[in-house]
Amino acid sequence: MESFSFIERLFESNVHALDRFETRSEALDPMLDEVIGAKKTLTAALSGEQQALLEAYVDAYVAYARQTERETFTRGFRFGASCILDTFVLKDE
């Protein structure tokens, strides 16, 4: 069926939601304020070398979290696309 070929293309593509747009919920503001405050407090208590180590850790963790979020979204999207294909497009053989 030609009408579902877009699903097949998306299923086979490299889908990364955060590469296209980013939104933030206002409900996250209190959490973000807490994270920022804790980082400021911790940074003030550390020496220069320790601060650099903390920054390196935070940067590495953020990169890891972004990558796992993208991979989780991609897996979920492909699973959903495969369910649609199985349900509406593919015939039992």
Foldseek 3Di string as FASTA:
>chain_A
DVVLVVLVVLLPDQDFVVVVDDDDDPVCVVVVVVVVVVLVVVCVPDDPVVNVVVVVVVVVVVVVVSVVVRVVVSVVSNVVSVVCCVVPPDDDD
